């Protein structure tokens, strides 16, 4: 994974946005760790896996640091002893790697405003036809809602593709 230039860092009780600290309201926008500009990062397809029992999604982008699995660890590289962390806590048994299927998201949510990009719908009014996968959006794609809201634009700047998270629906 190529890391880009740090634009904003959000963590803890306040956020340092340039020289001005911003209070944390623990919303989705506060969970966004870093916003990159499009020239800094190229998105590649990430293979995610979903537990067939509980719906937990394993993503190598975040790993499971609390279970000793660092971010960047691909599903195939997980130890043979890996079990679903949710099923194990809920007493559903030790669901191992065999209980996961590859999951490909078709909806992505903006971590600042909550706008949902739906692959089935696309954004025809912006020249993005229905059926366009999120990964195939142009590198300079920005959230259409954040771009129109002057308060968001002033506070956060443009929210590019890197500011979206897969939506598990």
C-alpha atoms as a PDB file:
ATOM      1  CA  UNK A   1       0.000   0.000   0.000  1.00  0.00           C
ATOM      2  CA  UNK A   2       1.325   3.412  -0.926  1.00  0.00           C
ATOM      3  CA  UNK A   3       0.795   6.062   1.750  1.00  0.00           C
ATOM      4  CA  UNK A   4       0.225   9.634   0.664  1.00  0.00           C
ATOM      5  CA  UNK A   5       0.700  13.052   2.118  1.00  0.00           C
ATOM      6  CA  UNK A   6      -1.073  13.555   5.424  1.00  0.00           C
ATOM      7  CA  UNK A   7      -3.906  16.042   4.957  1.00  0.00           C
ATOM      8  CA  UNK A   8      -5.901  15.700   8.195  1.00  0.00           C
ATOM      9  CA  UNK A   9      -5.449  13.520  11.270  1.00  0.00           C
ATOM     10  CA  UNK A  10      -8.526  12.688  13.317  1.00  0.00           C
ATOM     11  CA  UNK A  11      -8.086  10.879  16.607  1.00  0.00           C
ATOM     12  CA  UNK A  12      -9.066  11.309  20.217  1.00  0.00           C
ATOM     13  CA  UNK A  13     -10.830  14.228  21.863  1.00  0.00           C
ATOM     14  CA  UNK A  14      -9.931  16.851  19.290  1.00  0.00           C
ATOM     15  CA  UNK A  15      -8.787  16.985  15.713  1.00  0.00           C
ATOM     16  CA  UNK A  16      -5.993  19.185  14.530  1.00  0.00           C
ATOM     17  CA  UNK A  17      -7.112  20.613  11.236  1.00  0.00           C
ATOM     18  CA  UNK A  18      -4.255  22.793  10.139  1.00  0.00           C
ATOM     19  CA  UNK A  19      -3.754  25.139  13.081  1.00  0.00           C
ATOM     20  CA  UNK A  20      -7.335  24.897  14.398  1.00  0.00           C
ATOM     21  CA  UNK A  21      -8.362  22.023  16.746  1.00  0.00           C
ATOM     22  CA  UNK A  22     -11.869  20.699  16.099  1.00  0.00           C
ATOM     23  CA  UNK A  23     -13.869  18.883  18.845  1.00  0.00           C
ATOM     24  CA  UNK A  24     -14.512  15.183  18.285  1.00  0.00           C
ATOM     25  CA  UNK A  25     -18.190  14.239  18.041  1.00  0.00           C
ATOM     26  CA  UNK A  26     -17.395  10.523  17.510  1.00  0.00           C
ATOM     27  CA  UNK A  27     -19.349  10.455  14.246  1.00  0.00           C
ATOM     28  CA  UNK A  28     -18.292   8.669  11.072  1.00  0.00           C
ATOM     29  CA  UNK A  29     -16.245  11.680  10.001  1.00  0.00           C
ATOM     30  CA  UNK A  30     -14.263  11.421  13.241  1.00  0.00           C
ATOM     31  CA  UNK A  31     -13.440   7.796  12.523  1.00  0.00           C
ATOM     32  CA  UNK A  32     -11.701   8.816   9.307  1.00  0.00           C
ATOM     33  CA  UNK A  33      -8.030   8.477  10.058  1.00  0.00           C
ATOM     34  CA  UNK A  34      -6.419  10.196   7.084  1.00  0.00           C
ATOM     35  CA  UNK A  35      -7.697  11.973   3.994  1.00  0.00           C
ATOM     36  CA  UNK A  36      -5.410  11.772   0.972  1.00  0.00           C
ATOM     37  CA  UNK A  37      -5.416  13.780  -2.201  1.00  0.00           C
ATOM     38  CA  UNK A  38      -5.956  11.700  -5.362  1.00  0.00           C
ATOM     39  CA  UNK A  39      -2.407  12.115  -6.629  1.00  0.00           C
ATOM     40  CA  UNK A  40      -1.067  10.551  -3.412  1.00  0.00           C
ATOM     41  CA  UNK A  41      -2.797   7.174  -3.476  1.00  0.00           C
ATOM     42  CA  UNK A  42      -4.008   4.749  -6.088  1.00  0.00           C
ATOM     43  CA  UNK A  43      -6.809   2.442  -4.978  1.00  0.00           C
ATOM     44  CA  UNK A  44      -6.534  -1.198  -5.902  1.00  0.00           C
ATOM     45  CA  UNK A  45      -9.181  -3.856  -5.476  1.00  0.00           C
ATOM     46  CA  UNK A  46      -9.038  -5.283  -1.972  1.00  0.00           C
ATOM     47  CA  UNK A  47     -10.312  -8.791  -1.305  1.00  0.00           C
ATOM     48  CA  UNK A  48     -12.588  -8.853   1.717  1.00  0.00           C
ATOM     49  CA  UNK A  49     -14.160 -11.940   3.240  1.00  0.00           C
ATOM     50  CA  UNK A  50     -17.516 -12.277   5.004  1.00  0.00           C
ATOM     51  CA  UNK A  51     -18.410 -14.854   7.682  1.00  0.00           C
ATOM     52  CA  UNK A  52     -21.332 -16.941   6.421  1.00  0.00           C
ATOM     53  CA  UNK A  53     -22.721 -17.269   9.961  1.00  0.00           C
ATOM     54  CA  UNK A  54     -22.668 -13.757  11.461  1.00  0.00           C
ATOM     55  CA  UNK A  55     -21.782 -11.470   8.533  1.00  0.00           C
ATOM     56  CA  UNK A  56     -18.484 -10.196  10.019  1.00  0.00           C
ATOM     57  CA  UNK A  57     -16.253  -8.828   7.257  1.00  0.00           C
ATOM     58  CA  UNK A  58     -12.492  -9.333   7.404  1.00  0.00           C
ATOM     59  CA  UNK A  59     -10.611  -6.591   5.551  1.00  0.00           C
ATOM     60  CA  UNK A  60      -6.837  -6.579   5.127  1.00  0.00           C
ATOM     61  CA  UNK A  61      -6.992  -2.772   5.176  1.00  0.00           C
ATOM     62  CA  UNK A  62      -7.625  -2.836   8.907  1.00  0.00           C
ATOM     63  CA  UNK A  63      -6.518  -6.335   9.944  1.00  0.00           C
ATOM     64  CA  UNK A  64      -7.353  -7.250  13.536  1.00  0.00           C
ATOM     65  CA  UNK A  65      -4.712  -5.571  15.712  1.00  0.00           C
ATOM     66  CA  UNK A  66      -6.599  -6.569  18.872  1.00  0.00           C
ATOM     67  CA  UNK A  67      -6.083 -10.219  17.817  1.00  0.00           C
ATOM     68  CA  UNK A  68      -2.444  -9.740  16.816  1.00  0.00           C
ATOM     69  CA  UNK A  69      -3.178  -9.509  13.071  1.00  0.00           C
ATOM     70  CA  UNK A  70      -1.590  -6.320  11.686  1.00  0.00           C
ATOM     71  CA  UNK A  71      -3.218  -4.222   8.981  1.00  0.00           C
ATOM     72  CA  UNK A  72      -2.184  -5.312   5.515  1.00  0.00           C
ATOM     73  CA  UNK A  73      -2.482  -9.045   6.324  1.00  0.00           C
ATOM     74  CA  UNK A  74      -4.261 -10.757   3.415  1.00  0.00           C
ATOM     75  CA  UNK A  75      -6.930 -13.358   4.245  1.00  0.00           C
ATOM     76  CA  UNK A  76      -4.852 -16.145   2.705  1.00  0.00           C
ATOM     77  CA  UNK A  77      -1.968 -15.208   5.020  1.00  0.00           C
ATOM     78  CA  UNK A  78      -4.028 -15.578   8.217  1.00  0.00           C
ATOM     79  CA  UNK A  79      -2.899 -18.422  10.477  1.00  0.00           C
ATOM     80  CA  UNK A  80      -4.687 -21.768  10.158  1.00  0.00           C
ATOM     81  CA  UNK A  81      -5.926 -21.251  13.722  1.00  0.00           C
ATOM     82  CA  UNK A  82      -7.836 -18.061  12.751  1.00  0.00           C
ATOM     83  CA  UNK A  83     -11.462 -17.970  13.897  1.00  0.00           C
ATOM     84  CA  UNK A  84     -14.217 -15.415  13.346  1.00  0.00           C
ATOM     85  CA  UNK A  85     -13.926 -12.953  16.242  1.00  0.00           C
ATOM     86  CA  UNK A  86     -17.699 -12.313  16.394  1.00  0.00           C
ATOM     87  CA  UNK A  87     -18.919 -15.917  16.278  1.00  0.00           C
ATOM     88  CA  UNK A  88     -16.341 -16.867  18.896  1.00  0.00           C
ATOM     89  CA  UNK A  89     -17.553 -14.138  21.300  1.00  0.00           C
ATOM     90  CA  UNK A  90     -21.233 -14.947  20.719  1.00  0.00           C
ATOM     91  CA  UNK A  91     -20.756 -18.644  21.506  1.00  0.00           C
ATOM     92  CA  UNK A  92     -21.594 -19.802  17.970  1.00  0.00           C
ATOM     93  CA  UNK A  93     -18.492 -21.963  17.836  1.00  0.00           C
ATOM     94  CA  UNK A  94     -15.064 -21.624  16.312  1.00  0.00           C
ATOM     95  CA  UNK A  95     -15.841 -20.599  12.736  1.00  0.00           C
ATOM     96  CA  UNK A  96     -12.523 -20.839  10.914  1.00  0.00           C
ATOM     97  CA  UNK A  97     -11.326 -19.564   7.543  1.00  0.00           C
ATOM     98  CA  UNK A  98     -13.532 -22.126   5.782  1.00  0.00           C
ATOM     99  CA  UNK A  99     -16.606 -20.290   7.086  1.00  0.00           C
ATOM    100  CA  UNK A 100     -15.790 -17.160   5.080  1.00  0.00           C
ATOM    101  CA  UNK A 101     -16.696 -16.308   1.493  1.00  0.00           C
ATOM    102  CA  UNK A 102     -15.136 -13.570  -0.594  1.00  0.00           C
ATOM    103  CA  UNK A 103     -17.241 -10.397  -0.345  1.00  0.00           C
ATOM    104  CA  UNK A 104     -17.298  -7.658  -2.970  1.00  0.00           C
ATOM    105  CA  UNK A 105     -18.988  -4.449  -1.840  1.00  0.00           C
ATOM    106  CA  UNK A 106     -21.294  -2.634  -4.256  1.00  0.00           C
ATOM    107  CA  UNK A 107     -22.079   0.338  -1.997  1.00  0.00           C
ATOM    108  CA  UNK A 108     -19.635   2.764  -0.406  1.00  0.00           C
ATOM    109  CA  UNK A 109     -20.393   5.410   2.234  1.00  0.00           C
ATOM    110  CA  UNK A 110     -18.710   8.798   2.571  1.00  0.00           C
ATOM    111  CA  UNK A 111     -17.150   8.867   6.018  1.00  0.00           C
ATOM    112  CA  UNK A 112     -17.748  12.622   6.319  1.00  0.00           C
ATOM    113  CA  UNK A 113     -21.401  13.169   5.287  1.00  0.00           C
ATOM    114  CA  UNK A 114     -22.884   9.666   4.935  1.00  0.00           C
ATOM    115  CA  UNK A 115     -23.606   9.848   1.180  1.00  0.00           C
ATOM    116  CA  UNK A 116     -23.840   6.331  -0.327  1.00  0.00           C
ATOM    117  CA  UNK A 117     -22.385   5.571  -3.761  1.00  0.00           C
ATOM    118  CA  UNK A 118     -24.343   2.635  -5.214  1.00  0.00           C
ATOM    119  CA  UNK A 119     -22.749   0.757  -8.095  1.00  0.00           C
ATOM    120  CA  UNK A 120     -26.179  -0.273  -9.448  1.00  0.00           C
ATOM    121  CA  UNK A 121     -27.334   3.351  -9.628  1.00  0.00           C
ATOM    122  CA  UNK A 122     -24.102   5.108 -10.608  1.00  0.00           C
ATOM    123  CA  UNK A 123     -24.299   8.886 -10.940  1.00  0.00           C
ATOM    124  CA  UNK A 124     -25.662   9.543 -14.445  1.00  0.00           C
ATOM    125  CA  UNK A 125     -26.031  13.280 -13.747  1.00  0.00           C
ATOM    126  CA  UNK A 126     -22.241  13.392 -13.221  1.00  0.00           C
ATOM    127  CA  UNK A 127     -21.440  11.173 -16.227  1.00  0.00           C
ATOM    128  CA  UNK A 128     -20.987   7.931 -14.249  1.00  0.00           C
ATOM    129  CA  UNK A 129     -23.232   5.254 -15.799  1.00  0.00           C
ATOM    130  CA  UNK A 130     -25.176   2.703 -13.739  1.00  0.00           C
ATOM    131  CA  UNK A 131     -23.114  -0.420 -13.065  1.00  0.00           C
ATOM    132  CA  UNK A 132     -19.792   1.418 -12.657  1.00  0.00           C
ATOM    133  CA  UNK A 133     -17.796  -0.254  -9.842  1.00  0.00           C
ATOM    134  CA  UNK A 134     -16.402   2.104  -7.203  1.00  0.00           C
ATOM    135  CA  UNK A 135     -12.846   1.038  -8.039  1.00  0.00           C
ATOM    136  CA  UNK A 136     -13.323   2.247 -11.630  1.00  0.00           C
ATOM    137  CA  UNK A 137     -14.344   5.793 -10.646  1.00  0.00           C
ATOM    138  CA  UNK A 138     -11.806   8.413 -11.729  1.00  0.00           C
ATOM    139  CA  UNK A 139      -8.998   9.142  -9.258  1.00  0.00           C
ATOM    140  CA  UNK A 140     -10.243  12.698  -8.841  1.00  0.00           C
ATOM    141  CA  UNK A 141     -13.794  11.558  -7.925  1.00  0.00           C
ATOM    142  CA  UNK A 142     -15.182  13.579  -5.017  1.00  0.00           C
ATOM    143  CA  UNK A 143     -18.240  13.117  -2.825  1.00  0.00           C
ATOM    144  CA  UNK A 144     -21.076  15.010  -4.550  1.00  0.00           C
ATOM    145  CA  UNK A 145     -22.743  16.013  -1.257  1.00  0.00           C
ATOM    146  CA  UNK A 146     -19.569  17.241   0.455  1.00  0.00           C
ATOM    147  CA  UNK A 147     -18.664  19.213  -2.675  1.00  0.00           C
ATOM    148  CA  UNK A 148     -21.983  21.106  -2.537  1.00  0.00           C
ATOM    149  CA  UNK A 149     -21.979  21.834   1.192  1.00  0.00           C
ATOM    150  CA  UNK A 150     -19.873  24.947   1.891  1.00  0.00           C
ATOM    151  CA  UNK A 151     -19.501  24.084   5.604  1.00  0.00           C
ATOM    152  CA  UNK A 152     -18.044  20.655   4.800  1.00  0.00           C
ATOM    153  CA  UNK A 153     -15.854  22.041   2.006  1.00  0.00           C
ATOM    154  CA  UNK A 154     -14.476  24.726   4.308  1.00  0.00           C
ATOM    155  CA  UNK A 155     -13.896  22.360   7.245  1.00  0.00           C
ATOM    156  CA  UNK A 156     -12.682  19.234   5.441  1.00  0.00           C
ATOM    157  CA  UNK A 157     -11.816  20.234   1.902  1.00  0.00           C
ATOM    158  CA  UNK A 158     -12.652  17.842  -0.914  1.00  0.00           C
ATOM    159  CA  UNK A 159     -13.505  14.270   0.084  1.00  0.00           C
ATOM    160  CA  UNK A 160     -11.995  11.955  -2.513  1.00  0.00           C
ATOM    161  CA  UNK A 161     -12.459   8.193  -3.061  1.00  0.00           C
ATOM    162  CA  UNK A 162     -10.146   7.471  -0.141  1.00  0.00           C
ATOM    163  CA  UNK A 163     -12.734   9.067   2.174  1.00  0.00           C
ATOM    164  CA  UNK A 164     -15.290   6.314   1.411  1.00  0.00           C
ATOM    165  CA  UNK A 165     -15.719   2.987   3.217  1.00  0.00           C
ATOM    166  CA  UNK A 166     -17.449  -0.177   1.925  1.00  0.00           C
ATOM    167  CA  UNK A 167     -21.027  -0.445   3.162  1.00  0.00           C
ATOM    168  CA  UNK A 168     -22.118  -3.870   4.394  1.00  0.00           C
ATOM    169  CA  UNK A 169     -25.731  -4.205   3.273  1.00  0.00           C
END
